Amino acid sequence: MEPREPAYLETLEVTVGPTLAKCYGVGLRSCMVVNGRLFYDGIEGFEYEPGYDYRLRIGKYDPWDGREPPQDAGQYAYRLLEQLAKTLAPSTPATLSVGPARVVCHGSDDFCPVVDGAPYDELITRFEYEAGYYYSLEANRYADGRYVLSEVVSRTEAAGTEEEITIDRHRVECGDGYPGYCKVVNGAPYRGEVVGFQPRHEINYRLRVERFDMFPEGMTGSPDVPAHGYRWLETLEATPGS
């Protein structure tokens, strides 16, 4: 039996942008950009393809029939009624370098990839980042400043030398002139992540790590990106703080 058409509270004509944007629900996720704003819901029946500007007519309805929605669920749902336009969005080709470890973002208490030597507090649509590798990407840049991946040109594992480091249980202001709170590594604020390591709060650590350069030879980055990154190899000691 065909599902019944819901009773729409209103119908809307909206635009959908050519890239996905970083947003937070239960953790980090991606959102469409609808009418220039982050859109945390889906649109039933709409097949989104990055790189296009869309104009849609959608219906808004209450999927819970007046009941309280479950936790972390939206109060309303949306359904595509008509795709009015789909137009290839103007873009500029770009070659991007992505670093092997993330750093503390400027705009959120999270880690951001290092793109062209600086923290990038957004998503690259279609790009699946895995820490521990240098990447060279071909992408298209759109008017909203975001990128859609065209091709992964190269993916090279970051390698270096083994050493031991300490990580204090407290975080402190990074103190490099940029916003953010950093872990204390070897007694000094460190803006980067330790690849593969998930620290617990209130624990002091001593780790065996592989230290590698954050930038390929001949490339430099912004002052808020450390020169070296670390890959976790072994936890040598974990001591609860007092």
Protein backbone atom coordinates (compact mmCIF):
# COMPACT_ATOMS: atom_id res chain seq x y z
CA MET A 1 0.00 0.00 0.00
CA GLU A 2 1.30 3.45 -0.90
CA PRO A 3 2.37 5.54 2.14
CA ARG A 4 -0.11 8.34 2.73
CA GLU A 5 0.87 11.90 1.93
CA PRO A 6 1.51 13.80 5.18
CA ALA A 7 -0.45 16.89 6.10
CA TYR A 8 2.00 19.70 5.34
CA LEU A 9 2.26 22.54 7.81
CA GLU A 10 3.65 24.70 5.03
CA THR A 11 5.36 24.46 1.67
CA LEU A 12 8.65 26.25 1.13
CA GLU A 13 10.77 27.26 -1.83
CA VAL A 14 14.44 26.92 -0.88
CA THR A 15 17.92 27.01 -2.35
CA VAL A 16 20.57 24.36 -1.61
CA GLY A 17 24.27 25.20 -1.98
CA PRO A 18 26.97 23.24 -3.84
CA THR A 19 28.98 22.07 -0.80
CA LEU A 20 28.40 20.34 2.51
CA ALA A 21 29.33 22.20 5.69
CA LYS A 22 30.70 21.15 9.06
CA CYS A 23 28.04 20.99 11.76
CA TYR A 24 27.38 19.26 15.07
CA GLY A 25 24.52 17.03 16.15
CA VAL A 26 25.45 13.98 18.16
CA GLY A 27 29.11 14.64 17.37
CA LEU A 28 30.61 16.07 14.19
CA ARG A 29 28.61 15.61 10.99
CA SER A 30 27.93 17.30 7.67
CA CYS A 31 24.96 19.48 6.75
CA MET A 32 23.53 20.84 3.54
CA VAL A 33 23.43 24.63 3.25
CA VAL A 34 19.80 25.64 2.68
CA ASN A 35 18.93 29.31 2.09
CA GLY A 36 22.49 30.15 3.14
CA ARG A 37 22.20 28.42 6.55
CA LEU A 38 23.15 25.06 7.99
CA PHE A 39 20.30 22.57 7.53
CA TYR A 40 20.39 19.81 10.13
CA ASP A 41 17.59 17.71 8.62
CA GLY A 42 17.30 15.62 5.50
CA ILE A 43 14.88 16.19 2.63
CA GLU A 44 13.01 13.01 1.78
CA GLY A 45 13.20 12.14 -1.90
CA PHE A 46 16.02 14.61 -2.65
CA GLU A 47 19.25 13.18 -4.07
CA TYR A 48 21.97 15.71 -3.32
CA GLU A 49 24.95 15.93 -5.67
CA PRO A 50 27.78 18.30 -4.67
CA GLY A 51 28.83 20.99 -7.12
CA TYR A 52 25.32 22.15 -8.04
CA ASP A 53 23.03 24.95 -6.94
CA TYR A 54 19.46 23.75 -6.41
CA ARG A 55 16.08 25.40 -6.13
CA LEU A 56 13.47 23.15 -4.51
CA ARG A 57 9.89 23.20 -3.39
CA ILE A 58 9.59 21.18 -0.18
CA GLY A 59 6.87 20.33 2.31
CA LYS A 60 7.32 20.64 6.06
CA TYR A 61 5.35 18.28 8.29
CA ASP A 62 5.19 16.83 11.80
CA PRO A 63 6.28 13.15 11.65
CA TRP A 64 5.28 12.62 15.30
CA ASP A 65 1.62 13.65 14.96
CA GLY A 66 1.91 16.13 17.81
CA ARG A 67 3.81 13.81 20.14
CA GLU A 68 7.15 14.74 21.72
CA PRO A 69 9.94 13.72 19.32
CA PRO A 70 12.58 11.23 20.53
CA GLN A 71 15.79 12.64 21.98
CA ASP A 72 18.13 14.03 19.30
CA ALA A 73 15.35 13.87 16.67
CA GLY A 74 14.03 16.95 14.91
CA GLN A 75 10.54 18.22 15.57
CA TYR A 76 9.75 18.49 11.86
CA ALA A 77 10.55 16.56 8.70
CA TYR A 78 10.79 17.72 5.08
CA ARG A 79 9.86 16.11 1.77
CA LEU A 80 10.75 17.08 -1.77
CA LEU A 81 7.70 18.19 -3.73
CA GLU A 82 9.43 19.49 -6.84
CA GLN A 83 12.99 20.13 -8.02
CA LEU A 84 12.64 23.51 -9.71
CA ALA A 85 16.26 23.94 -10.86
CA LYS A 86 19.64 22.22 -10.76
CA THR A 87 22.50 24.38 -12.07
CA LEU A 88 26.23 23.67 -12.17
CA ALA A 89 27.73 26.08 -9.61
CA PRO A 90 30.67 28.26 -10.69
CA SER A 91 33.96 27.17 -9.16
CA THR A 92 37.71 27.65 -9.35
CA PRO A 93 40.15 24.68 -9.61
CA ALA A 94 42.51 24.40 -6.64
CA THR A 95 45.42 22.17 -5.62
CA LEU A 96 45.43 21.54 -1.87
CA SER A 97 48.04 20.13 0.48
CA VAL A 98 46.62 18.41 3.59
CA GLY A 99 48.87 17.69 6.59
CA PRO A 100 49.28 14.36 8.42
CA ALA A 101 47.83 15.47 11.79
CA ARG A 102 45.06 17.81 12.86
CA VAL A 103 45.40 20.83 15.14
CA VAL A 104 43.10 22.66 17.56
CA CYS A 105 40.57 24.70 15.55
CA HIS A 106 40.21 28.45 15.95
CA GLY A 107 36.43 28.42 15.92
CA SER A 108 35.58 25.34 17.99
CA ASP A 109 36.94 23.06 20.71
CA ASP A 110 37.79 20.39 18.17
CA PHE A 111 40.59 19.34 15.84
CA CYS A 112 40.84 20.68 12.27
CA PRO A 113 42.86 19.39 9.33
CA VAL A 114 45.82 21.47 8.17
CA VAL A 115 45.14 22.66 4.61
CA ASP A 116 47.85 24.57 2.76
CA GLY A 117 49.72 25.03 6.03
CA ALA A 118 46.88 26.48 8.13
CA PRO A 119 43.99 25.08 10.23
CA TYR A 120 40.91 24.60 8.07
CA ASP A 121 37.71 24.75 10.12
CA GLU A 122 35.45 23.22 7.47
CA LEU A 123 34.84 20.07 5.43
CA ILE A 124 36.17 19.19 2.01
CA THR A 125 33.13 17.54 0.47
CA ARG A 126 33.80 13.94 -0.70
CA PHE A 127 37.22 13.82 1.01
CA GLU A 128 37.69 11.12 3.66
CA TYR A 129 40.61 12.23 5.81
CA GLU A 130 42.77 9.70 7.64
CA ALA A 131 45.43 11.11 9.95
CA GLY A 132 49.04 10.04 9.49
CA TYR A 133 49.30 10.81 5.76
CA TYR A 134 50.32 13.73 3.57
CA TYR A 135 47.76 14.40 0.86
CA SER A 136 47.80 16.32 -2.38
CA LEU A 137 44.28 17.00 -3.66
CA GLU A 138 42.67 18.47 -6.73
CA ALA A 139 39.45 20.22 -5.77
CA ASN A 140 36.99 22.88 -6.84
CA ARG A 141 36.52 25.99 -4.70
CA TYR A 142 33.06 27.57 -4.57
CA ALA A 143 31.78 31.03 -3.72
CA ASP A 144 31.10 29.97 -0.11
CA GLY A 145 34.85 29.29 0.35
CA ARG A 146 34.39 25.53 0.68
CA TYR A 147 35.79 22.79 -1.51
CA VAL A 148 34.54 19.69 -3.30
CA LEU A 149 37.17 17.01 -3.95
CA SER A 150 37.91 16.13 -7.57
CA GLU A 151 40.82 13.72 -7.08
CA VAL A 152 43.30 12.48 -4.46
CA VAL A 153 46.54 13.00 -6.38
CA SER A 154 48.79 11.43 -3.73
CA ARG A 155 48.62 9.93 -0.25
CA THR A 156 51.96 9.38 1.47
CA GLU A 157 52.47 8.00 4.98
CA ALA A 158 54.25 10.36 7.37
CA ALA A 159 57.34 8.70 8.85
CA GLY A 160 59.96 9.82 11.35
CA THR A 161 61.83 8.77 14.44
CA GLU A 162 60.72 7.15 17.70
CA GLU A 163 60.89 9.03 20.99
CA GLU A 164 59.12 9.35 24.34
CA ILE A 165 56.84 12.24 25.29
CA THR A 166 54.80 13.24 28.32
CA ILE A 167 51.25 14.60 28.23
CA ASP A 168 49.88 16.44 31.27
CA ARG A 169 46.31 15.94 32.40
CA HIS A 170 45.46 19.64 32.18
CA ARG A 171 44.80 21.71 29.10
CA VAL A 172 46.01 25.31 28.92
CA GLU A 173 45.54 28.26 26.60
CA CYS A 174 47.67 27.61 23.55
CA GLY A 175 49.44 30.94 24.04
CA ASP A 176 50.46 31.38 20.40
CA GLY A 177 48.28 34.40 19.74
CA TYR A 178 45.39 32.31 18.42
CA PRO A 179 42.31 31.09 20.33
CA GLY A 180 42.13 27.55 21.67
CA TYR A 181 43.12 25.27 24.53
CA CYS A 182 46.01 22.85 24.11
CA LYS A 183 47.32 19.71 25.75
CA VAL A 184 50.70 20.12 27.47
CA VAL A 185 53.30 17.95 25.74
CA ASN A 186 56.80 17.79 27.21
CA GLY A 187 55.92 20.74 29.44
CA ALA A 188 54.73 23.12 26.69
CA PRO A 189 51.36 23.79 25.02
CA TYR A 190 50.93 21.66 21.91
CA ARG A 191 48.20 22.51 19.42
CA GLY A 192 48.31 19.22 17.51
CA GLU A 193 46.72 15.81 18.07
CA VAL A 194 48.65 12.61 18.75
CA VAL A 195 47.52 10.37 15.89
CA GLY A 196 45.86 7.20 17.13
CA PHE A 197 45.81 8.24 20.80
CA GLN A 198 42.65 8.90 22.81
CA PRO A 199 43.61 10.44 26.19
CA ARG A 200 41.32 10.34 29.18
CA HIS A 201 40.74 13.41 31.30
CA GLU A 202 42.69 13.78 34.55
CA ILE A 203 45.41 11.32 33.49
CA ASN A 204 49.10 12.09 33.05
CA TYR A 205 50.75 10.03 30.30
CA ARG A 206 54.16 8.93 29.14
CA LEU A 207 54.05 7.63 25.58
CA ARG A 208 56.29 6.06 22.98
CA VAL A 209 55.56 7.86 19.71
CA GLU A 210 56.80 8.36 16.19
CA ARG A 211 57.63 12.00 15.54
CA PHE A 212 57.23 13.27 11.97
CA ASP A 213 57.39 16.58 10.11
CA MET A 214 54.04 18.30 9.66
CA PHE A 215 55.02 19.68 6.27
CA PRO A 216 56.65 18.06 3.25
CA GLU A 217 60.17 19.22 2.49
CA GLY A 218 60.26 22.78 1.23
CA MET A 219 56.89 23.79 2.66
CA THR A 220 56.20 25.91 5.73
CA GLY A 221 52.98 26.67 7.60
CA SER A 222 51.34 29.27 9.78
CA PRO A 223 52.64 29.95 13.33
CA ASP A 224 49.67 28.14 14.90
CA VAL A 225 50.63 24.81 13.34
CA PRO A 226 53.43 22.89 15.12
CA ALA A 227 56.43 21.88 13.05
CA HIS A 228 56.14 18.26 14.19
CA GLY A 229 53.35 15.76 14.70
CA TYR A 230 53.21 12.51 16.65
CA ARG A 231 51.82 9.03 16.04
CA TRP A 232 51.02 6.93 19.14
CA LEU A 233 52.94 3.66 19.36
CA GLU A 234 52.65 2.61 23.02
CA THR A 235 51.42 3.93 26.36
CA LEU A 236 54.32 3.52 28.78
CA GLU A 237 52.68 5.05 31.83
CA ALA A 238 49.25 6.43 32.76
CA THR A 239 48.99 8.10 36.17
CA PRO A 240 45.81 9.66 37.61
CA GLY A 241 46.35 13.31 38.51
CA SER A 242 46.03 14.45 42.10
